[in-house]
All heavy atoms as atom14 arrays in JSON, in Angstrom:
{
  "sequence": "LYKILLQINPDDLESRWLINVAYMTTGEYPQNVPKNILLPGLNSTNVT",
  "atom14_mask": [
    [1, 1, 1, 1, 1, 1, 1, 1, 0, 0, 0, 0, 0, 0],
    [1, 1, 1, 1, 1, 1, 1, 1, 1, 1, 1, 1, 0, 0],
    [1, 1, 1, 1, 1, 1, 1, 1, 1, 0, 0, 0, 0, 0],
    [1, 1, 1, 1, 1, 1, 1, 1, 0, 0, 0, 0, 0, 0],
    [1, 1, 1, 1, 1, 1, 1, 1, 0, 0, 0, 0, 0, 0],
    [1, 1, 1, 1, 1, 1, 1, 1, 0, 0, 0, 0, 0, 0],
    [1, 1, 1, 1, 1, 1, 1, 1, 1, 0, 0, 0, 0, 0],
    [1, 1, 1, 1, 1, 1, 1, 1, 0, 0, 0, 0, 0, 0],
    [1, 1, 1, 1, 1, 1, 1, 1, 0, 0, 0, 0, 0, 0],
    [1, 1, 1, 1, 1, 1, 1, 0, 0, 0, 0, 0, 0, 0],
    [1, 1, 1, 1, 1, 1, 1, 1, 0, 0, 0, 0, 0, 0],
    [1, 1, 1, 1, 1, 1, 1, 1, 0, 0, 0, 0, 0, 0],
    [1, 1, 1, 1, 1, 1, 1, 1, 0, 0, 0, 0, 0, 0],
    [1, 1, 1, 1, 1, 1, 1, 1, 1, 0, 0, 0, 0, 0],
    [1, 1, 1, 1, 1, 1, 0, 0, 0, 0, 0, 0, 0, 0],
    [1, 1, 1, 1, 1, 1, 1, 1, 1, 1, 1, 0, 0, 0],
    [1, 1, 1, 1, 1, 1, 1, 1, 1, 1, 1, 1, 1, 1],
    [1, 1, 1, 1, 1, 1, 1, 1, 0, 0, 0, 0, 0, 0],
    [1, 1, 1, 1, 1, 1, 1, 1, 0, 0, 0, 0, 0, 0],
    [1, 1, 1, 1, 1, 1, 1, 1, 0, 0, 0, 0, 0, 0],
    [1, 1, 1, 1, 1, 1, 1, 0, 0, 0, 0, 0, 0, 0],
    [1, 1, 1, 1, 1, 0, 0, 0, 0, 0, 0, 0, 0, 0],
    [1, 1, 1, 1, 1, 1, 1, 1, 1, 1, 1, 1, 0, 0],
    [1, 1, 1, 1, 1, 1, 1, 1, 0, 0, 0, 0, 0, 0],
    [1, 1, 1, 1, 1, 1, 1, 0, 0, 0, 0, 0, 0, 0],
    [1, 1, 1, 1, 1, 1, 1, 0, 0, 0, 0, 0, 0, 0],
    [1, 1, 1, 1, 0, 0, 0, 0, 0, 0, 0, 0, 0, 0],
    [1, 1, 1, 1, 1, 1, 1, 1, 1, 0, 0, 0, 0, 0],
    [1, 1, 1, 1, 1, 1, 1, 1, 1, 1, 1, 1, 0, 0],
    [1, 1, 1, 1, 1, 1, 1, 0, 0, 0, 0, 0, 0, 0],
    [1, 1, 1, 1, 1, 1, 1, 1, 1, 0, 0, 0, 0, 0],
    [1, 1, 1, 1, 1, 1, 1, 1, 0, 0, 0, 0, 0, 0],
    [1, 1, 1, 1, 1, 1, 1, 0, 0, 0, 0, 0, 0, 0],
    [1, 1, 1, 1, 1, 1, 1, 0, 0, 0, 0, 0, 0, 0],
    [1, 1, 1, 1, 1, 1, 1, 1, 1, 0, 0, 0, 0, 0],
    [1, 1, 1, 1, 1, 1, 1, 1, 0, 0, 0, 0, 0, 0],
    [1, 1, 1, 1, 1, 1, 1, 1, 0, 0, 0, 0, 0, 0],
    [1, 1, 1, 1, 1, 1, 1, 1, 0, 0, 0, 0, 0, 0],
    [1, 1, 1, 1, 1, 1, 1, 1, 0, 0, 0, 0, 0, 0],
    [1, 1, 1, 1, 1, 1, 1, 0, 0, 0, 0, 0, 0, 0],
    [1, 1, 1, 1, 0, 0, 0, 0, 0, 0, 0, 0, 0, 0],
    [1, 1, 1, 1, 1, 1, 1, 1, 0, 0, 0, 0, 0, 0],
    [1, 1, 1, 1, 1, 1, 1, 1, 0, 0, 0, 0, 0, 0],
    [1, 1, 1, 1, 1, 1, 0, 0, 0, 0, 0, 0, 0, 0],
    [1, 1, 1, 1, 1, 1, 1, 0, 0, 0, 0, 0, 0, 0],
    [1, 1, 1, 1, 1, 1, 1, 1, 0, 0, 0, 0, 0, 0],
    [1, 1, 1, 1, 1, 1, 1, 0, 0, 0, 0, 0, 0, 0],
    [1, 1, 1, 1, 1, 1, 1, 0, 0, 0, 0, 0, 0, 0]
  ],
  "atom14_positions": [
    [[16.16, 20.2, 100.43], [15.16, 20.09, 101.53], [14.61, 21.32, 102.03], [13.4, 21.41, 102.39], [15.72, 19.16, 102.58], [16.06, 17.75, 102.23], [16.89, 17.04, 103.36], [14.7, 16.98, 101.96], [0.0, 0.0, 0.0], [0.0, 0.0, 0.0], [0.0, 0.0, 0.0], [0.0, 0.0, 0.0], [0.0, 0.0, 0.0], [0.0, 0.0, 0.0]],
    [[15.54, 22.32, 102.2], [15.04, 23.6, 102.77], [14.17, 24.4, 101.76], [13.25, 24.99, 102.1], [16.27, 24.52, 102.97], [16.93, 24.15, 104.33], [18.36, 23.82, 104.42], [16.15, 24.08, 105.52], [18.92, 23.45, 105.6], [16.82, 23.67, 106.74], [18.1, 23.42, 106.77], [18.66, 23.05, 107.92], [0.0, 0.0, 0.0], [0.0, 0.0, 0.0]],
    [[14.36, 24.13, 100.37], [13.47, 24.53, 99.44], [11.96, 24.07, 99.58], [10.93, 24.84, 99.59], [13.9, 24.31, 98.03], [15.05, 25.19, 97.49], [15.41, 24.82, 96.13], [16.53, 25.81, 95.55], [16.95, 25.43, 94.27], [0.0, 0.0, 0.0], [0.0, 0.0, 0.0], [0.0, 0.0, 0.0], [0.0, 0.0, 0.0], [0.0, 0.0, 0.0]],
    [[11.81, 22.77, 100.0], [10.56, 22.17, 100.23], [9.99, 22.65, 101.45], [8.74, 23.15, 101.51], [10.8, 20.65, 100.35], [11.26, 19.96, 98.98], [9.48, 20.15, 100.86], [11.52, 18.59, 99.15], [0.0, 0.0, 0.0], [0.0, 0.0, 0.0], [0.0, 0.0, 0.0], [0.0, 0.0, 0.0], [0.0, 0.0, 0.0], [0.0, 0.0, 0.0]],
    [[10.81, 22.94, 102.49], [10.17, 23.56, 103.72], [9.81, 24.98, 103.39], [8.73, 25.39, 104.07], [11.27, 23.46, 104.83], [11.59, 22.12, 105.41], [12.92, 22.16, 106.26], [10.43, 21.7, 106.4], [0.0, 0.0, 0.0], [0.0, 0.0, 0.0], [0.0, 0.0, 0.0], [0.0, 0.0, 0.0], [0.0, 0.0, 0.0], [0.0, 0.0, 0.0]],
    [[10.4, 25.69, 102.7], [10.04, 27.11, 102.5], [8.84, 27.16, 101.55], [8.15, 28.2, 101.54], [11.24, 27.93, 101.92], [12.42, 28.16, 102.93], [13.71, 28.63, 102.32], [11.89, 29.26, 103.88], [0.0, 0.0, 0.0], [0.0, 0.0, 0.0], [0.0, 0.0, 0.0], [0.0, 0.0, 0.0], [0.0, 0.0, 0.0], [0.0, 0.0, 0.0]],
    [[8.64, 26.11, 100.69], [7.39, 26.11, 99.96], [6.11, 25.85, 100.95], [5.15, 26.45, 100.64], [7.5, 25.01, 98.9], [8.35, 25.23, 97.76], [8.5, 24.17, 96.79], [8.0, 23.07, 97.06], [9.31, 24.36, 95.59], [0.0, 0.0, 0.0], [0.0, 0.0, 0.0], [0.0, 0.0, 0.0], [0.0, 0.0, 0.0], [0.0, 0.0, 0.0]],
    [[6.52, 25.09, 101.8], [5.39, 24.69, 102.89], [5.16, 25.97, 103.73], [3.89, 26.21, 103.95], [5.75, 23.56, 103.7], [6.01, 22.17, 102.76], [4.68, 23.32, 104.81], [6.51, 21.04, 103.65], [0.0, 0.0, 0.0], [0.0, 0.0, 0.0], [0.0, 0.0, 0.0], [0.0, 0.0, 0.0], [0.0, 0.0, 0.0], [0.0, 0.0, 0.0]],
    [[6.22, 26.67, 104.15], [6.06, 27.86, 105.07], [7.0, 28.83, 104.6], [8.2, 28.86, 105.06], [6.21, 27.51, 106.54], [6.09, 28.55, 107.39], [5.6, 29.65, 107.02], [6.57, 28.3, 108.66], [0.0, 0.0, 0.0], [0.0, 0.0, 0.0], [0.0, 0.0, 0.0], [0.0, 0.0, 0.0], [0.0, 0.0, 0.0], [0.0, 0.0, 0.0]],
    [[6.65, 29.81, 103.84], [7.53, 30.92, 103.26], [8.15, 31.68, 104.4], [9.09, 32.42, 104.24], [6.76, 31.63, 102.37], [5.63, 30.71, 101.95], [5.34, 29.87, 103.09], [0.0, 0.0, 0.0], [0.0, 0.0, 0.0], [0.0, 0.0, 0.0], [0.0, 0.0, 0.0], [0.0, 0.0, 0.0], [0.0, 0.0, 0.0], [0.0, 0.0, 0.0]],
    [[7.37, 31.75, 105.61], [7.94, 32.55, 106.8], [8.75, 31.74, 107.81], [8.9, 32.24, 108.93], [6.67, 33.13, 107.48], [5.93, 34.05, 106.62], [6.41, 34.74, 105.94], [4.54, 33.99, 106.66], [0.0, 0.0, 0.0], [0.0, 0.0, 0.0], [0.0, 0.0, 0.0], [0.0, 0.0, 0.0], [0.0, 0.0, 0.0], [0.0, 0.0, 0.0]],
    [[9.27, 30.64, 107.24], [10.15, 29.67, 108.2], [11.48, 30.45, 108.25], [12.35, 30.26, 107.39], [10.1, 28.42, 107.56], [11.1, 27.46, 108.3], [11.78, 27.9, 109.3], [11.15, 26.13, 107.94], [0.0, 0.0, 0.0], [0.0, 0.0, 0.0], [0.0, 0.0, 0.0], [0.0, 0.0, 0.0], [0.0, 0.0, 0.0], [0.0, 0.0, 0.0]],
    [[11.72, 31.25, 109.17], [13.03, 31.97, 109.3], [14.25, 31.15, 109.44], [15.36, 31.41, 109.1], [12.82, 33.09, 110.29], [11.92, 34.23, 110.09], [12.09, 35.26, 111.13], [12.2, 34.84, 108.61], [0.0, 0.0, 0.0], [0.0, 0.0, 0.0], [0.0, 0.0, 0.0], [0.0, 0.0, 0.0], [0.0, 0.0, 0.0], [0.0, 0.0, 0.0]],
    [[13.97, 30.07, 110.19], [15.14, 29.17, 110.53], [15.61, 28.43, 109.27], [16.78, 28.52, 108.94], [14.66, 27.95, 111.45], [14.22, 28.37, 112.8], [13.43, 27.24, 113.53], [13.6, 26.07, 113.18], [12.66, 27.55, 114.48], [0.0, 0.0, 0.0], [0.0, 0.0, 0.0], [0.0, 0.0, 0.0], [0.0, 0.0, 0.0], [0.0, 0.0, 0.0]],
    [[14.76, 27.99, 108.4], [15.2, 27.53, 107.1], [15.73, 28.48, 106.11], [16.65, 28.21, 105.43], [14.0, 26.68, 106.5], [13.49, 25.68, 107.24], [0.0, 0.0, 0.0], [0.0, 0.0, 0.0], [0.0, 0.0, 0.0], [0.0, 0.0, 0.0], [0.0, 0.0, 0.0], [0.0, 0.0, 0.0], [0.0, 0.0, 0.0], [0.0, 0.0, 0.0]],
    [[15.2, 29.63, 106.3], [15.74, 30.68, 105.42], [17.13, 31.06, 105.67], [17.94, 31.28, 104.78], [14.83, 32.0, 105.43], [15.13, 32.93, 104.43], [14.04, 34.04, 104.22], [14.46, 34.98, 103.24], [13.72, 36.06, 103.0], [12.55, 36.19, 103.5], [14.0, 37.02, 102.01], [0.0, 0.0, 0.0], [0.0, 0.0, 0.0], [0.0, 0.0, 0.0]],
    [[17.48, 31.15, 107.03], [18.9, 31.3, 107.29], [19.81, 30.22, 106.82], [20.8, 30.44, 106.31], [18.98, 31.57, 108.88], [20.36, 31.69, 109.32], [21.23, 30.58, 109.83], [21.23, 32.89, 109.28], [22.38, 31.03, 110.2], [22.53, 32.42, 109.81], [21.24, 34.06, 108.87], [23.55, 33.27, 110.07], [22.23, 34.95, 109.09], [23.38, 34.59, 109.42]],
    [[19.39, 29.05, 107.18], [20.14, 27.88, 106.94], [20.38, 27.64, 105.5], [21.41, 27.18, 105.03], [19.66, 26.55, 107.65], [19.71, 26.74, 109.24], [18.86, 25.69, 109.8], [21.08, 26.67, 109.59], [0.0, 0.0, 0.0], [0.0, 0.0, 0.0], [0.0, 0.0, 0.0], [0.0, 0.0, 0.0], [0.0, 0.0, 0.0], [0.0, 0.0, 0.0]],
    [[19.35, 27.86, 104.66], [19.53, 27.64, 103.21], [20.54, 28.69, 102.56], [21.39, 28.36, 101.66], [18.26, 27.69, 102.43], [18.43, 27.15, 100.96], [17.66, 29.12, 102.35], [17.08, 26.82, 100.15], [0.0, 0.0, 0.0], [0.0, 0.0, 0.0], [0.0, 0.0, 0.0], [0.0, 0.0, 0.0], [0.0, 0.0, 0.0], [0.0, 0.0, 0.0]],
    [[20.58, 29.83, 103.15], [21.53, 30.84, 102.65], [22.88, 30.43, 103.03], [23.94, 30.68, 102.33], [21.21, 32.18, 103.18], [20.11, 32.96, 102.47], [20.39, 33.77, 101.64], [18.85, 32.63, 102.74], [0.0, 0.0, 0.0], [0.0, 0.0, 0.0], [0.0, 0.0, 0.0], [0.0, 0.0, 0.0], [0.0, 0.0, 0.0], [0.0, 0.0, 0.0]],
    [[23.1, 29.95, 104.34], [24.37, 29.39, 104.7], [24.79, 28.27, 103.81], [25.94, 28.13, 103.37], [24.41, 28.94, 106.2], [25.67, 28.29, 106.49], [24.19, 30.18, 107.1], [0.0, 0.0, 0.0], [0.0, 0.0, 0.0], [0.0, 0.0, 0.0], [0.0, 0.0, 0.0], [0.0, 0.0, 0.0], [0.0, 0.0, 0.0], [0.0, 0.0, 0.0]],
    [[23.9, 27.34, 103.49], [24.15, 26.17, 102.57], [24.64, 26.61, 101.27], [25.56, 26.09, 100.69], [22.98, 25.26, 102.49], [0.0, 0.0, 0.0], [0.0, 0.0, 0.0], [0.0, 0.0, 0.0], [0.0, 0.0, 0.0], [0.0, 0.0, 0.0], [0.0, 0.0, 0.0], [0.0, 0.0, 0.0], [0.0, 0.0, 0.0], [0.0, 0.0, 0.0]],
    [[23.99, 27.67, 100.75], [24.46, 28.28, 99.4], [25.9, 28.78, 99.58], [26.68, 28.71, 98.62], [23.45, 29.29, 98.91], [22.36, 28.85, 98.08], [21.06, 28.89, 98.53], [22.54, 28.3, 96.75], [19.99, 28.32, 97.72], [21.5, 27.83, 95.89], [20.22, 27.91, 96.6], [19.24, 27.29, 95.72], [0.0, 0.0, 0.0], [0.0, 0.0, 0.0]],
    [[26.19, 29.34, 100.51], [27.59, 29.85, 100.74], [28.59, 28.66, 100.78], [29.61, 28.8, 100.11], [27.73, 30.48, 102.13], [27.16, 31.92, 102.27], [27.46, 32.64, 104.07], [26.57, 34.13, 103.85], [0.0, 0.0, 0.0], [0.0, 0.0, 0.0], [0.0, 0.0, 0.0], [0.0, 0.0, 0.0], [0.0, 0.0, 0.0], [0.0, 0.0, 0.0]],
    [[28.29, 27.59, 101.33], [29.21, 26.45, 101.4], [29.37, 25.84, 100.06], [30.46, 25.18, 99.83], [28.69, 25.31, 102.3], [27.49, 24.71, 101.82], [28.38, 25.95, 103.81], [0.0, 0.0, 0.0], [0.0, 0.0, 0.0], [0.0, 0.0, 0.0], [0.0, 0.0, 0.0], [0.0, 0.0, 0.0], [0.0, 0.0, 0.0], [0.0, 0.0, 0.0]],
    [[28.42, 26.08, 99.09], [28.63, 25.57, 97.72], [29.23, 26.58, 96.83], [29.46, 26.25, 95.52], [27.32, 25.12, 97.09], [26.5, 26.28, 97.05], [26.7, 23.91, 97.98], [0.0, 0.0, 0.0], [0.0, 0.0, 0.0], [0.0, 0.0, 0.0], [0.0, 0.0, 0.0], [0.0, 0.0, 0.0], [0.0, 0.0, 0.0], [0.0, 0.0, 0.0]],
    [[29.56, 27.78, 97.38], [30.09, 28.93, 96.53], [29.11, 29.6, 95.8], [29.52, 30.33, 94.76], [0.0, 0.0, 0.0], [0.0, 0.0, 0.0], [0.0, 0.0, 0.0], [0.0, 0.0, 0.0], [0.0, 0.0, 0.0], [0.0, 0.0, 0.0], [0.0, 0.0, 0.0], [0.0, 0.0, 0.0], [0.0, 0.0, 0.0], [0.0, 0.0, 0.0]],
    [[27.73, 29.53, 96.03], [26.75, 30.05, 95.16], [25.97, 31.23, 95.72], [24.96, 31.66, 95.22], [25.68, 29.04, 94.93], [26.29, 27.8, 94.1], [25.23, 26.58, 93.87], [25.11, 25.89, 94.77], [24.65, 26.65, 92.73], [0.0, 0.0, 0.0], [0.0, 0.0, 0.0], [0.0, 0.0, 0.0], [0.0, 0.0, 0.0], [0.0, 0.0, 0.0]],
    [[26.44, 31.79, 96.94], [25.8, 32.8, 97.59], [26.49, 34.12, 97.09], [27.74, 34.26, 97.07], [25.9, 32.79, 99.16], [25.36, 34.03, 99.73], [23.92, 34.02, 100.12], [26.09, 35.15, 100.0], [23.44, 35.21, 100.71], [25.48, 36.36, 100.49], [24.19, 36.31, 100.93], [23.53, 37.4, 101.5], [0.0, 0.0, 0.0], [0.0, 0.0, 0.0]],
    [[25.81, 35.16, 96.71], [24.34, 35.25, 96.63], [23.74, 34.92, 95.22], [22.57, 34.96, 95.09], [24.14, 36.75, 97.01], [25.31, 37.49, 96.47], [26.45, 36.46, 96.58], [0.0, 0.0, 0.0], [0.0, 0.0, 0.0], [0.0, 0.0, 0.0], [0.0, 0.0, 0.0], [0.0, 0.0, 0.0], [0.0, 0.0, 0.0], [0.0, 0.0, 0.0]],
    [[24.6, 34.77, 94.25], [24.21, 34.81, 92.82], [23.21, 33.9, 92.52], [22.32, 33.97, 91.6], [25.45, 34.75, 91.98], [26.14, 33.39, 91.93], [27.11, 33.25, 93.07], [27.16, 34.08, 93.98], [28.06, 32.28, 93.04], [0.0, 0.0, 0.0], [0.0, 0.0, 0.0], [0.0, 0.0, 0.0], [0.0, 0.0, 0.0], [0.0, 0.0, 0.0]],
    [[23.24, 32.62, 93.1], [22.38, 31.56, 92.72], [21.2, 31.34, 93.71], [20.34, 30.51, 93.53], [23.07, 30.27, 92.47], [24.02, 30.27, 91.35], [23.79, 31.28, 90.36], [24.96, 29.41, 91.13], [0.0, 0.0, 0.0], [0.0, 0.0, 0.0], [0.0, 0.0, 0.0], [0.0, 0.0, 0.0], [0.0, 0.0, 0.0], [0.0, 0.0, 0.0]],
    [[21.11, 32.17, 94.79], [20.05, 32.05, 95.73], [18.83, 32.49, 95.15], [18.81, 33.7, 94.66], [20.43, 32.7, 97.14], [19.31, 32.43, 98.1], [21.74, 32.28, 97.67], [0.0, 0.0, 0.0], [0.0, 0.0, 0.0], [0.0, 0.0, 0.0], [0.0, 0.0, 0.0], [0.0, 0.0, 0.0], [0.0, 0.0, 0.0], [0.0, 0.0, 0.0]],
    [[17.72, 31.84, 95.15], [16.31, 32.47, 94.65], [16.12, 33.64, 95.28], [16.19, 33.77, 96.65], [15.45, 31.29, 94.91], [16.17, 29.96, 94.85], [17.48, 30.47, 95.45], [0.0, 0.0, 0.0], [0.0, 0.0, 0.0], [0.0, 0.0, 0.0], [0.0, 0.0, 0.0], [0.0, 0.0, 0.0], [0.0, 0.0, 0.0], [0.0, 0.0, 0.0]],
    [[15.63, 34.75, 94.64], [15.33, 36.15, 95.15], [14.41, 36.0, 96.46], [14.5, 36.81, 97.39], [14.86, 37.04, 94.14], [15.85, 37.45, 93.11], [15.43, 38.43, 92.18], [16.49, 38.79, 91.16], [16.02, 39.87, 90.25], [0.0, 0.0, 0.0], [0.0, 0.0, 0.0], [0.0, 0.0, 0.0], [0.0, 0.0, 0.0], [0.0, 0.0, 0.0]],
    [[13.37, 35.03, 96.34], [12.37, 35.07, 97.38], [12.91, 34.51, 98.74], [12.24, 34.59, 99.77], [11.19, 34.34, 96.91], [11.45, 32.82, 96.63], [12.42, 32.5, 95.94], [10.58, 31.88, 97.08], [0.0, 0.0, 0.0], [0.0, 0.0, 0.0], [0.0, 0.0, 0.0], [0.0, 0.0, 0.0], [0.0, 0.0, 0.0], [0.0, 0.0, 0.0]],
    [[13.96, 33.9, 98.74], [14.66, 33.33, 99.92], [15.98, 33.88, 100.25], [16.57, 33.61, 101.25], [14.69, 31.8, 99.89], [15.62, 31.31, 98.68], [13.35, 31.15, 99.82], [15.8, 29.79, 98.64], [0.0, 0.0, 0.0], [0.0, 0.0, 0.0], [0.0, 0.0, 0.0], [0.0, 0.0, 0.0], [0.0, 0.0, 0.0], [0.0, 0.0, 0.0]],
    [[16.4, 34.84, 99.45], [17.81, 35.44, 99.61], [17.79, 36.27, 100.88], [16.75, 37.05, 101.05], [18.24, 36.2, 98.42], [19.55, 36.97, 98.55], [20.66, 36.18, 98.61], [19.72, 37.95, 97.39], [0.0, 0.0, 0.0], [0.0, 0.0, 0.0], [0.0, 0.0, 0.0], [0.0, 0.0, 0.0], [0.0, 0.0, 0.0], [0.0, 0.0, 0.0]],
    [[18.73, 36.06, 101.63], [19.04, 37.14, 102.75], [20.23, 38.01, 102.26], [21.36, 37.62, 102.32], [19.37, 36.46, 104.08], [18.26, 35.64, 104.76], [18.82, 34.91, 106.0], [17.12, 36.49, 105.1], [0.0, 0.0, 0.0], [0.0, 0.0, 0.0], [0.0, 0.0, 0.0], [0.0, 0.0, 0.0], [0.0, 0.0, 0.0], [0.0, 0.0, 0.0]],
    [[19.91, 39.07, 101.77], [20.99, 39.98, 101.07], [22.02, 40.58, 102.13], [21.62, 40.81, 103.24], [20.24, 41.08, 100.39], [18.89, 41.19, 101.16], [18.6, 39.83, 101.69], [0.0, 0.0, 0.0], [0.0, 0.0, 0.0], [0.0, 0.0, 0.0], [0.0, 0.0, 0.0], [0.0, 0.0, 0.0], [0.0, 0.0, 0.0], [0.0, 0.0, 0.0]],
    [[23.22, 40.78, 101.67], [24.15, 41.59, 102.44], [24.96, 40.64, 103.5], [25.56, 41.34, 104.3], [0.0, 0.0, 0.0], [0.0, 0.0, 0.0], [0.0, 0.0, 0.0], [0.0, 0.0, 0.0], [0.0, 0.0, 0.0], [0.0, 0.0, 0.0], [0.0, 0.0, 0.0], [0.0, 0.0, 0.0], [0.0, 0.0, 0.0], [0.0, 0.0, 0.0]],
    [[24.65, 39.31, 103.59], [25.35, 38.65, 104.58], [26.86, 38.68, 104.43], [27.54, 38.21, 105.36], [24.78, 37.17, 104.58], [23.35, 36.99, 104.96], [23.03, 35.5, 104.94], [22.97, 37.74, 106.25], [0.0, 0.0, 0.0], [0.0, 0.0, 0.0], [0.0, 0.0, 0.0], [0.0, 0.0, 0.0], [0.0, 0.0, 0.0], [0.0, 0.0, 0.0]],
    [[27.36, 38.92, 103.25], [28.9, 38.86, 103.02], [29.39, 40.27, 102.92], [30.5, 40.42, 102.4], [29.06, 38.07, 101.73], [28.41, 38.66, 100.43], [27.55, 39.61, 100.79], [28.83, 38.32, 99.42], [0.0, 0.0, 0.0], [0.0, 0.0, 0.0], [0.0, 0.0, 0.0], [0.0, 0.0, 0.0], [0.0, 0.0, 0.0], [0.0, 0.0, 0.0]],
    [[28.71, 41.22, 103.26], [29.22, 42.62, 103.22], [29.58, 43.26, 104.49], [29.07, 42.9, 105.59], [28.17, 43.4, 102.32], [26.94, 43.61, 103.3], [0.0, 0.0, 0.0], [0.0, 0.0, 0.0], [0.0, 0.0, 0.0], [0.0, 0.0, 0.0], [0.0, 0.0, 0.0], [0.0, 0.0, 0.0], [0.0, 0.0, 0.0], [0.0, 0.0, 0.0]],
    [[30.42, 44.24, 104.51], [30.88, 44.86, 105.72], [31.31, 46.28, 105.26], [31.89, 46.6, 104.08], [31.93, 44.21, 106.47], [32.42, 44.95, 107.56], [33.24, 44.05, 105.45], [0.0, 0.0, 0.0], [0.0, 0.0, 0.0], [0.0, 0.0, 0.0], [0.0, 0.0, 0.0], [0.0, 0.0, 0.0], [0.0, 0.0, 0.0], [0.0, 0.0, 0.0]],
    [[31.0, 47.32, 106.26], [31.51, 48.79, 105.94], [32.86, 48.95, 106.73], [33.31, 50.03, 106.5], [30.5, 49.73, 106.44], [29.18, 49.55, 105.81], [29.14, 49.46, 104.51], [27.98, 49.77, 106.49], [0.0, 0.0, 0.0], [0.0, 0.0, 0.0], [0.0, 0.0, 0.0], [0.0, 0.0, 0.0], [0.0, 0.0, 0.0], [0.0, 0.0, 0.0]],
    [[33.26, 48.03, 107.3], [34.6, 48.14, 108.05], [35.75, 48.01, 107.09], [35.93, 46.97, 106.43], [34.78, 47.15, 109.2], [35.95, 47.34, 109.96], [33.6, 47.28, 110.13], [0.0, 0.0, 0.0], [0.0, 0.0, 0.0], [0.0, 0.0, 0.0], [0.0, 0.0, 0.0], [0.0, 0.0, 0.0], [0.0, 0.0, 0.0], [0.0, 0.0, 0.0]],
    [[36.69, 49.06, 107.03], [37.71, 49.08, 106.2], [39.06, 49.05, 106.96], [40.12, 48.85, 106.29], [37.66, 50.23, 105.24], [37.71, 51.47, 105.95], [36.36, 50.2, 104.38], [0.0, 0.0, 0.0], [0.0, 0.0, 0.0], [0.0, 0.0, 0.0], [0.0, 0.0, 0.0], [0.0, 0.0, 0.0], [0.0, 0.0, 0.0], [0.0, 0.0, 0.0]]
  ]
}
């Protein structure tokens, strides 16, 4: 459903955040997230 919404409005930031979270819940972030909707670096940290 979020893919449909982002086709209708590619600038829909709400849907873009939520689809990235949804991909995380399926274990597919970031590798299977389409590049045009990927929010990169959500799983990275510089804190050691």
